[in-house]
Amino acid sequence: MNTTLSNAPQAPLWRRLLIRSGKHFLRWSGHFQAKHSMVATTPVLPNDTFDWVPRLEAAWPEIRQELDHLLEHPEDIPAFHQISPDQKRISKGDNWKTFGFYVYGQRVDENCAVCPKTAAVLDTLPGMRSAMFSILKPRYRIDPHKGPTKAVIRAHLGLRVPQDWENVWIRVDDQILHWREGKVVLFDDSYEHEVHNDTDELRAVLFIDIERPSDRLGTAFNRLILKLIQISPYVRQPLRNMAKWNQDHARK
């Protein structure tokens, strides 16, 4: 089924300016967040930062099974920019598809119902804010960019990794990471990062954002930041787009 989202017009100027100024503030606040962080503030973090990592890795076969079921009908999975127009610079065509479960704390019930085992695992992760399947087509590269805030730490669980794994990677600041199926990598996406899939196979991960463990003041500040992001157009527009996409692509 066709959708009008694929040709969505550019966001109004006021909205673009609001988001741009908000991102500048969030990145400026990173120094404060780093000072109050109770875990490493390096580009890449060790997996023992969170005690739930082994539990997530143990669940990967069931999560992979639900992903494979979705991929039987890739036309029903939107490109990232079709849901979040702010990603148009780094998401082109249908090369980067996403299937969202949570968006800054907002649960997408329809998608969680489609992948109940994945949703059940996500619901056990303390401080989980955002989660989605991130699916990158062969020979596609995501240009360098930065996440909006240091309030979260990003986890990727490798689900489908090309056999030529050395030629699919993510650079975070000056470090190169490779995915392995069933293994987690943790990094701080407020550092510049880019992704290359220079293979003939797709790459898929479970993409998760977790609240950064911080002292009391840092936690209060981070939660205020996350609340402001949650009520901003940066989040509200994708939630509306996702609801419309699901309505237009109702699964039987």
C-alpha atoms as a PDB file:
ATOM      1  CA  MET A   1       0.000   0.000   0.000  1.00  0.00           C
ATOM      2  CA  ASN A   2       1.294   3.456  -0.850  1.00  0.00           C
ATOM      3  CA  THR A   3       1.635   6.108   1.804  1.00  0.00           C
ATOM      4  CA  THR A   4       1.783   9.868   1.628  1.00  0.00           C
ATOM      5  CA  LEU A   5       4.553   9.886   4.199  1.00  0.00           C
ATOM      6  CA  SER A   6       7.230   9.084   1.630  1.00  0.00           C
ATOM      7  CA  ASN A   7       6.768  12.494   0.024  1.00  0.00           C
ATOM      8  CA  ALA A   8       6.328  14.471   3.206  1.00  0.00           C
ATOM      9  CA  PRO A   9       7.068  18.179   2.719  1.00  0.00           C
ATOM     10  CA  GLN A  10       9.919  19.887   4.500  1.00  0.00           C
ATOM     11  CA  ALA A  11       9.123  20.862   8.058  1.00  0.00           C
ATOM     12  CA  PRO A  12       8.067  24.499   8.646  1.00  0.00           C
ATOM     13  CA  LEU A  13      10.892  26.955   9.268  1.00  0.00           C
ATOM     14  CA  TRP A  14       9.830  27.607  12.871  1.00  0.00           C
ATOM     15  CA  ARG A  15       9.978  23.908  13.640  1.00  0.00           C
ATOM     16  CA  ARG A  16      13.402  23.470  12.059  1.00  0.00           C
ATOM     17  CA  LEU A  17      14.748  26.469  13.986  1.00  0.00           C
ATOM     18  CA  LEU A  18      13.266  25.186  17.240  1.00  0.00           C
ATOM     19  CA  ILE A  19      14.838  21.761  16.808  1.00  0.00           C
ATOM     20  CA  ARG A  20      18.176  23.234  15.718  1.00  0.00           C
ATOM     21  CA  SER A  21      18.372  25.556  18.725  1.00  0.00           C
ATOM     22  CA  GLY A  22      17.289  22.727  21.012  1.00  0.00           C
ATOM     23  CA  LYS A  23      20.072  20.493  19.720  1.00  0.00           C
ATOM     24  CA  HIS A  24      22.645  23.235  20.299  1.00  0.00           C
ATOM     25  CA  PHE A  25      21.494  23.569  23.918  1.00  0.00           C
ATOM     26  CA  LEU A  26      21.502  19.814  24.465  1.00  0.00           C
ATOM     27  CA  ARG A  27      25.044  19.454  23.171  1.00  0.00           C
ATOM     28  CA  TRP A  28      26.214  22.416  25.265  1.00  0.00           C
ATOM     29  CA  SER A  29      24.746  20.715  28.325  1.00  0.00           C
ATOM     30  CA  GLY A  30      26.878  17.633  27.665  1.00  0.00           C
ATOM     31  CA  HIS A  31      29.718  18.988  29.822  1.00  0.00           C
ATOM     32  CA  PHE A  32      27.385  19.182  32.824  1.00  0.00           C
ATOM     33  CA  GLN A  33      26.063  15.673  32.159  1.00  0.00           C
ATOM     34  CA  ALA A  34      29.564  14.247  31.853  1.00  0.00           C
ATOM     35  CA  LYS A  35      30.566  15.824  35.171  1.00  0.00           C
ATOM     36  CA  HIS A  36      27.655  14.123  36.951  1.00  0.00           C
ATOM     37  CA  SER A  37      27.822  10.766  35.161  1.00  0.00           C
ATOM     38  CA  MET A  38      28.475   7.677  37.279  1.00  0.00           C
ATOM     39  CA  VAL A  39      29.714   5.649  34.316  1.00  0.00           C
ATOM     40  CA  ALA A  40      32.358   6.223  31.677  1.00  0.00           C
ATOM     41  CA  THR A  41      31.893   9.216  29.368  1.00  0.00           C
ATOM     42  CA  THR A  42      34.120   7.735  26.658  1.00  0.00           C
ATOM     43  CA  PRO A  43      32.816   7.147  23.109  1.00  0.00           C
ATOM     44  CA  VAL A  44      32.590   3.379  23.718  1.00  0.00           C
ATOM     45  CA  LEU A  45      31.592   1.853  27.052  1.00  0.00           C
ATOM     46  CA  PRO A  46      32.335  -1.627  28.433  1.00  0.00           C
ATOM     47  CA  ASN A  47      29.469  -4.107  28.468  1.00  0.00           C
ATOM     48  CA  ASP A  48      29.719  -4.519  32.241  1.00  0.00           C
ATOM     49  CA  THR A  49      28.363  -0.968  32.543  1.00  0.00           C
ATOM     50  CA  PHE A  50      24.905  -2.587  32.750  1.00  0.00           C
ATOM     51  CA  ASP A  51      24.099  -5.873  34.467  1.00  0.00           C
ATOM     52  CA  TRP A  52      21.264  -6.620  32.011  1.00  0.00           C
ATOM     53  CA  VAL A  53      23.560  -7.038  28.992  1.00  0.00           C
ATOM     54  CA  PRO A  54      23.965 -10.839  29.403  1.00  0.00           C
ATOM     55  CA  ARG A  55      20.191 -11.218  29.722  1.00  0.00           C
ATOM     56  CA  LEU A  56      19.601  -9.262  26.524  1.00  0.00           C
ATOM     57  CA  GLU A  57      22.236 -11.270  24.668  1.00  0.00           C
ATOM     58  CA  ALA A  58      20.644 -14.526  25.866  1.00  0.00           C
ATOM     59  CA  ALA A  59      17.303 -13.439  24.387  1.00  0.00           C
ATOM     60  CA  TRP A  60      18.680 -12.699  20.934  1.00  0.00           C
ATOM     61  CA  PRO A  61      17.431 -15.882  19.166  1.00  0.00           C
ATOM     62  CA  GLU A  62      13.793 -15.052  19.975  1.00  0.00           C
ATOM     63  CA  ILE A  63      14.301 -11.399  19.028  1.00  0.00           C
ATOM     64  CA  ARG A  64      15.954 -12.451  15.761  1.00  0.00           C
ATOM     65  CA  GLN A  65      13.012 -14.742  15.000  1.00  0.00           C
ATOM     66  CA  GLU A  66      10.555 -11.851  15.322  1.00  0.00           C
ATOM     67  CA  LEU A  67      12.770  -9.651  13.142  1.00  0.00           C
ATOM     68  CA  ASP A  68      12.943 -12.352  10.458  1.00  0.00           C
ATOM     69  CA  HIS A  69       9.154 -12.560  10.474  1.00  0.00           C
ATOM     70  CA  LEU A  70       8.910  -8.812   9.889  1.00  0.00           C
ATOM     71  CA  LEU A  71      11.438  -8.986   7.073  1.00  0.00           C
ATOM     72  CA  GLU A  72       9.166 -11.355   5.162  1.00  0.00           C
ATOM     73  CA  HIS A  73       7.299  -8.163   4.173  1.00  0.00           C
ATOM     74  CA  PRO A  74       9.933  -5.387   4.070  1.00  0.00           C
ATOM     75  CA  GLU A  75       7.526  -3.096   2.218  1.00  0.00           C
ATOM     76  CA  ASP A  76       5.579  -2.765   5.468  1.00  0.00           C
ATOM     77  CA  ILE A  77       8.616  -1.427   7.354  1.00  0.00           C
ATOM     78  CA  PRO A  78       9.123   2.339   6.940  1.00  0.00           C
ATOM     79  CA  ALA A  79      12.333   4.138   6.128  1.00  0.00           C
ATOM     80  CA  PHE A  80      13.633   6.163   9.069  1.00  0.00           C
ATOM     81  CA  HIS A  81      12.869   9.547   7.472  1.00  0.00           C
ATOM     82  CA  GLN A  82       9.298   8.472   6.680  1.00  0.00           C
ATOM     83  CA  ILE A  83       8.714   8.313  10.431  1.00  0.00           C
ATOM     84  CA  SER A  84      11.154  11.027  11.569  1.00  0.00           C
ATOM     85  CA  PRO A  85      11.489  13.743   8.892  1.00  0.00           C
ATOM     86  CA  ASP A  86      14.417  15.229  10.836  1.00  0.00           C
ATOM     87  CA  GLN A  87      16.499  12.253   9.659  1.00  0.00           C
ATOM     88  CA  LYS A  88      16.205  13.119   5.946  1.00  0.00           C
ATOM     89  CA  ARG A  89      19.864  14.173   5.759  1.00  0.00           C
ATOM     90  CA  ILE A  90      21.118  10.733   6.752  1.00  0.00           C
ATOM     91  CA  SER A  91      18.234   8.491   5.623  1.00  0.00           C
ATOM     92  CA  LYS A  92      17.774   8.240   1.856  1.00  0.00           C
ATOM     93  CA  GLY A  93      15.354   6.167  -0.170  1.00  0.00           C
ATOM     94  CA  ASP A  94      14.415   2.957   1.627  1.00  0.00           C
ATOM     95  CA  ASN A  95      17.984   2.103   2.594  1.00  0.00           C
ATOM     96  CA  TRP A  96      17.575   2.561   6.356  1.00  0.00           C
ATOM     97  CA  LYS A  97      14.402   1.034   7.721  1.00  0.00           C
ATOM     98  CA  THR A  98      13.212   1.207  11.312  1.00  0.00           C
ATOM     99  CA  PHE A  99      10.516  -0.524  13.342  1.00  0.00           C
ATOM    100  CA  GLY A 100       9.942   1.364  16.568  1.00  0.00           C
ATOM    101  CA  PHE A 101       8.887  -0.039  19.943  1.00  0.00           C
ATOM    102  CA  TYR A 102       9.540   2.984  22.178  1.00  0.00           C
ATOM    103  CA  VAL A 103      10.252   6.610  21.310  1.00  0.00           C
ATOM    104  CA  TYR A 104      11.670   8.598  24.243  1.00  0.00           C
ATOM    105  CA  GLY A 105       9.524   6.704  26.719  1.00  0.00           C
ATOM    106  CA  GLN A 106       6.395   6.564  24.548  1.00  0.00           C
ATOM    107  CA  ARG A 107       5.385   2.938  23.939  1.00  0.00           C
ATOM    108  CA  VAL A 108       4.189   2.039  20.434  1.00  0.00           C
ATOM    109  CA  ASP A 109       1.636  -0.580  21.430  1.00  0.00           C
ATOM    110  CA  GLU A 110       0.839  -1.751  17.882  1.00  0.00           C
ATOM    111  CA  ASN A 111       4.474  -2.590  17.161  1.00  0.00           C
ATOM    112  CA  CYS A 112       5.073  -4.162  20.560  1.00  0.00           C
ATOM    113  CA  ALA A 113       2.090  -6.448  19.901  1.00  0.00           C
ATOM    114  CA  VAL A 114       3.648  -7.591  16.618  1.00  0.00           C
ATOM    115  CA  CYS A 115       6.895  -8.559  18.402  1.00  0.00           C
ATOM    116  CA  PRO A 116       5.742  -9.531  21.910  1.00  0.00           C
ATOM    117  CA  LYS A 117       8.913 -11.414  22.910  1.00  0.00           C
ATOM    118  CA  THR A 118      11.095  -8.459  21.949  1.00  0.00           C
ATOM    119  CA  ALA A 119       8.777  -6.072  23.798  1.00  0.00           C
ATOM    120  CA  ALA A 120       8.804  -8.281  26.885  1.00  0.00           C
ATOM    121  CA  VAL A 121      12.606  -8.215  27.027  1.00  0.00           C
ATOM    122  CA  LEU A 122      12.685  -4.444  26.509  1.00  0.00           C
ATOM    123  CA  ASP A 123      10.261  -3.972  29.375  1.00  0.00           C
ATOM    124  CA  THR A 124      12.783  -5.561  31.764  1.00  0.00           C
ATOM    125  CA  LEU A 125      15.547  -3.044  31.005  1.00  0.00           C
ATOM    126  CA  PRO A 126      15.790  -0.312  33.677  1.00  0.00           C
ATOM    127  CA  GLY A 127      15.856   3.197  32.246  1.00  0.00           C
ATOM    128  CA  MET A 128      15.013   2.101  28.708  1.00  0.00           C
ATOM    129  CA  ARG A 129      13.828   5.146  26.740  1.00  0.00           C
ATOM    130  CA  SER A 130      13.864   4.283  23.031  1.00  0.00           C
ATOM    131  CA  ALA A 131      14.041   1.027  21.116  1.00  0.00           C
ATOM    132  CA  MET A 132      13.660  -0.080  17.527  1.00  0.00           C
ATOM    133  CA  PHE A 133      14.865  -2.499  14.905  1.00  0.00           C
ATOM    134  CA  SER A 134      17.408  -0.663  12.749  1.00  0.00           C
ATOM    135  CA  ILE A 135      17.811  -2.288   9.327  1.00  0.00           C
ATOM    136  CA  LEU A 136      20.484  -1.140   6.897  1.00  0.00           C
ATOM    137  CA  LYS A 137      20.440  -2.271   3.295  1.00  0.00           C
ATOM    138  CA  PRO A 138      23.544  -3.495   1.454  1.00  0.00           C
ATOM    139  CA  ARG A 139      26.007  -0.878   0.197  1.00  0.00           C
ATOM    140  CA  TYR A 140      24.477   1.951   2.222  1.00  0.00           C
ATOM    141  CA  ARG A 141      26.330   4.424   4.415  1.00  0.00           C
ATOM    142  CA  ILE A 142      24.932   6.676   7.128  1.00  0.00           C
ATOM    143  CA  ASP A 143      26.764   9.997   7.057  1.00  0.00           C
ATOM    144  CA  PRO A 144      28.530  11.353  10.172  1.00  0.00           C
ATOM    145  CA  HIS A 145      26.127  12.838  12.705  1.00  0.00           C
ATOM    146  CA  LYS A 146      25.626  13.307  16.445  1.00  0.00           C
ATOM    147  CA  GLY A 147      22.802  12.354  18.782  1.00  0.00           C
ATOM    148  CA  PRO A 148      20.986  15.161  20.593  1.00  0.00           C
ATOM    149  CA  THR A 149      21.901  14.414  24.204  1.00  0.00           C
ATOM    150  CA  LYS A 150      24.329  12.713  26.572  1.00  0.00           C
ATOM    151  CA  ALA A 151      21.384  11.803  28.811  1.00  0.00           C
ATOM    152  CA  VAL A 152      21.252   8.345  27.252  1.00  0.00           C
ATOM    153  CA  ILE A 153      23.677   5.578  26.334  1.00  0.00           C
ATOM    154  CA  ARG A 154      23.062   3.589  23.174  1.00  0.00           C
ATOM    155  CA  ALA A 155      23.075  -0.184  22.964  1.00  0.00           C
ATOM    156  CA  HIS A 156      23.077  -2.217  19.762  1.00  0.00           C
ATOM    157  CA  LEU A 157      22.277  -5.926  19.868  1.00  0.00           C
ATOM    158  CA  GLY A 158      23.529  -7.569  16.690  1.00  0.00           C
ATOM    159  CA  LEU A 159      20.702  -9.522  15.015  1.00  0.00           C
ATOM    160  CA  ARG A 160      21.679  -9.959  11.369  1.00  0.00           C
ATOM    161  CA  VAL A 161      25.316  -9.311  10.576  1.00  0.00           C
ATOM    162  CA  PRO A 162      26.791  -9.876   7.096  1.00  0.00           C
ATOM    163  CA  GLN A 163      29.215 -12.744   6.722  1.00  0.00           C
ATOM    164  CA  ASP A 164      31.775 -10.168   5.592  1.00  0.00           C
ATOM    165  CA  TRP A 165      31.521  -8.569   9.038  1.00  0.00           C
ATOM    166  CA  GLU A 166      34.768  -6.621   8.761  1.00  0.00           C
ATOM    167  CA  ASN A 167      33.222  -4.445   6.031  1.00  0.00           C
ATOM    168  CA  VAL A 168      30.203  -3.380   8.058  1.00  0.00           C
ATOM    169  CA  TRP A 169      31.010  -1.100  10.963  1.00  0.00           C
ATOM    170  CA  ILE A 170      30.200   1.964  13.030  1.00  0.00           C
ATOM    171  CA  ARG A 171      32.740   4.654  13.836  1.00  0.00           C
ATOM    172  CA  VAL A 172      32.150   6.456  17.139  1.00  0.00           C
ATOM    173  CA  ASP A 173      34.558   9.392  17.474  1.00  0.00           C
ATOM    174  CA  ASP A 174      37.893   7.706  16.658  1.00  0.00           C
ATOM    175  CA  GLN A 175      36.868   4.124  17.428  1.00  0.00           C
ATOM    176  CA  ILE A 176      35.630   1.493  14.970  1.00  0.00           C
ATOM    177  CA  LEU A 177      33.126  -1.103  16.203  1.00  0.00           C
ATOM    178  CA  HIS A 178      31.909  -4.248  14.462  1.00  0.00           C
ATOM    179  CA  TRP A 179      28.692  -6.101  15.243  1.00  0.00           C
ATOM    180  CA  ARG A 180      28.420  -9.786  16.050  1.00  0.00           C
ATOM    181  CA  GLU A 181      25.122 -11.649  16.124  1.00  0.00           C
ATOM    182  CA  GLY A 182      23.866 -12.030  19.672  1.00  0.00           C
ATOM    183  CA  LYS A 183      26.376  -9.530  21.092  1.00  0.00           C
ATOM    184  CA  VAL A 184      25.848  -6.035  22.489  1.00  0.00           C
ATOM    185  CA  VAL A 185      27.940  -2.939  21.883  1.00  0.00           C
ATOM    186  CA  LEU A 186      27.519   0.198  24.032  1.00  0.00           C
ATOM    187  CA  PHE A 187      28.445   3.699  22.953  1.00  0.00           C
ATOM    188  CA  ASP A 188      27.722   7.384  23.494  1.00  0.00           C
ATOM    189  CA  ASP A 189      25.938   8.654  20.403  1.00  0.00           C
ATOM    190  CA  SER A 190      26.512  12.309  21.352  1.00  0.00           C
ATOM    191  CA  TYR A 191      29.954  11.754  19.820  1.00  0.00           C
ATOM    192  CA  GLU A 192      30.118  11.978  16.051  1.00  0.00           C
ATOM    193  CA  HIS A 193      29.385   8.598  14.505  1.00  0.00           C
ATOM    194  CA  GLU A 194      28.791   7.082  11.097  1.00  0.00           C
ATOM    195  CA  VAL A 195      27.886   3.656   9.719  1.00  0.00           C
ATOM    196  CA  HIS A 196      29.140   1.815   6.630  1.00  0.00           C
ATOM    197  CA  ASN A 197      27.610  -1.344   5.227  1.00  0.00           C
ATOM    198  CA  ASP A 198      30.005  -2.102   2.384  1.00  0.00           C
ATOM    199  CA  THR A 199      28.666  -5.623   1.889  1.00  0.00           C
ATOM    200  CA  ASP A 200      25.992  -7.329  -0.203  1.00  0.00           C
ATOM    201  CA  GLU A 201      23.883  -8.288   2.825  1.00  0.00           C
ATOM    202  CA  LEU A 202      21.631  -6.277   5.100  1.00  0.00           C
ATOM    203  CA  ARG A 203      22.624  -5.440   8.661  1.00  0.00           C
ATOM    204  CA  ALA A 204      20.031  -5.369  11.430  1.00  0.00           C
ATOM    205  CA  VAL A 205      20.351  -4.522  15.112  1.00  0.00           C
ATOM    206  CA  LEU A 206      18.071  -3.916  18.049  1.00  0.00           C
ATOM    207  CA  PHE A 207      18.773  -0.259  18.819  1.00  0.00           C
ATOM    208  CA  ILE A 208      18.164   0.822  22.424  1.00  0.00           C
ATOM    209  CA  ASP A 209      18.668   4.063  24.362  1.00  0.00           C
ATOM    210  CA  ILE A 210      19.127   3.735  28.130  1.00  0.00           C
ATOM    211  CA  GLU A 211      19.200   6.515  30.724  1.00  0.00           C
ATOM    212  CA  ARG A 212      22.761   7.396  31.680  1.00  0.00           C
ATOM    213  CA  PRO A 213      23.444   6.418  35.318  1.00  0.00           C
ATOM    214  CA  SER A 214      24.252   9.684  37.099  1.00  0.00           C
ATOM    215  CA  ASP A 215      24.337  11.203  40.559  1.00  0.00           C
ATOM    216  CA  ARG A 216      21.174  12.724  41.997  1.00  0.00           C
ATOM    217  CA  LEU A 217      21.629  16.134  40.386  1.00  0.00           C
ATOM    218  CA  GLY A 218      22.645  14.630  37.059  1.00  0.00           C
ATOM    219  CA  THR A 219      19.683  12.245  37.055  1.00  0.00           C
ATOM    220  CA  ALA A 220      17.231  15.082  37.750  1.00  0.00           C
ATOM    221  CA  PHE A 221      18.782  17.167  34.967  1.00  0.00           C
ATOM    222  CA  ASN A 222      18.776  14.284  32.491  1.00  0.00           C
ATOM    223  CA  ARG A 223      15.163  13.428  33.174  1.00  0.00           C
ATOM    224  CA  LEU A 224      14.159  17.047  32.646  1.00  0.00           C
ATOM    225  CA  ILE A 225      16.001  17.043  29.321  1.00  0.00           C
ATOM    226  CA  LEU A 226      14.352  13.775  28.269  1.00  0.00           C
ATOM    227  CA  LYS A 227      10.924  15.116  29.236  1.00  0.00           C
ATOM    228  CA  LEU A 228      11.477  18.247  27.140  1.00  0.00           C
ATOM    229  CA  ILE A 229      12.527  16.102  24.177  1.00  0.00           C
ATOM    230  CA  GLN A 230       9.510  13.848  24.699  1.00  0.00           C
ATOM    231  CA  ILE A 231       7.023  16.736  24.359  1.00  0.00           C
ATOM    232  CA  SER A 232       8.864  18.405  21.472  1.00  0.00           C
ATOM    233  CA  PRO A 233       8.047  18.086  17.744  1.00  0.00           C
ATOM    234  CA  TYR A 234      11.213  15.976  17.472  1.00  0.00           C
ATOM    235  CA  VAL A 235       9.261  13.133  19.135  1.00  0.00           C
ATOM    236  CA  ARG A 236       5.603  14.019  18.680  1.00  0.00           C
ATOM    237  CA  GLN A 237       5.799  14.124  14.874  1.00  0.00           C
ATOM    238  CA  PRO A 238       7.379  10.655  14.568  1.00  0.00           C
ATOM    239  CA  LEU A 239       4.718   9.216  16.882  1.00  0.00           C
ATOM    240  CA  ARG A 240       1.969  10.665  14.692  1.00  0.00           C
ATOM    241  CA  ASN A 241       3.693   9.402  11.556  1.00  0.00           C
ATOM    242  CA  MET A 242       4.114   5.939  13.043  1.00  0.00           C
ATOM    243  CA  ALA A 243       0.434   5.779  13.956  1.00  0.00           C
ATOM    244  CA  LYS A 244      -0.525   6.752  10.405  1.00  0.00           C
ATOM    245  CA  TRP A 245       1.942   4.278   8.890  1.00  0.00           C
ATOM    246  CA  ASN A 246       0.487   1.465  11.020  1.00  0.00           C
ATOM    247  CA  GLN A 247      -3.030   2.471  10.003  1.00  0.00           C
ATOM    248  CA  ASP A 248      -2.090   2.444   6.315  1.00  0.00           C
ATOM    249  CA  HIS A 249      -0.126  -0.821   6.604  1.00  0.00           C
ATOM    250  CA  ALA A 250      -2.372  -2.758   8.942  1.00  0.00           C
ATOM    251  CA  ARG A 251      -0.964  -6.243   9.532  1.00  0.00           C
ATOM    252  CA  LYS A 252      -3.259  -9.234   9.352  1.00  0.00           C
END
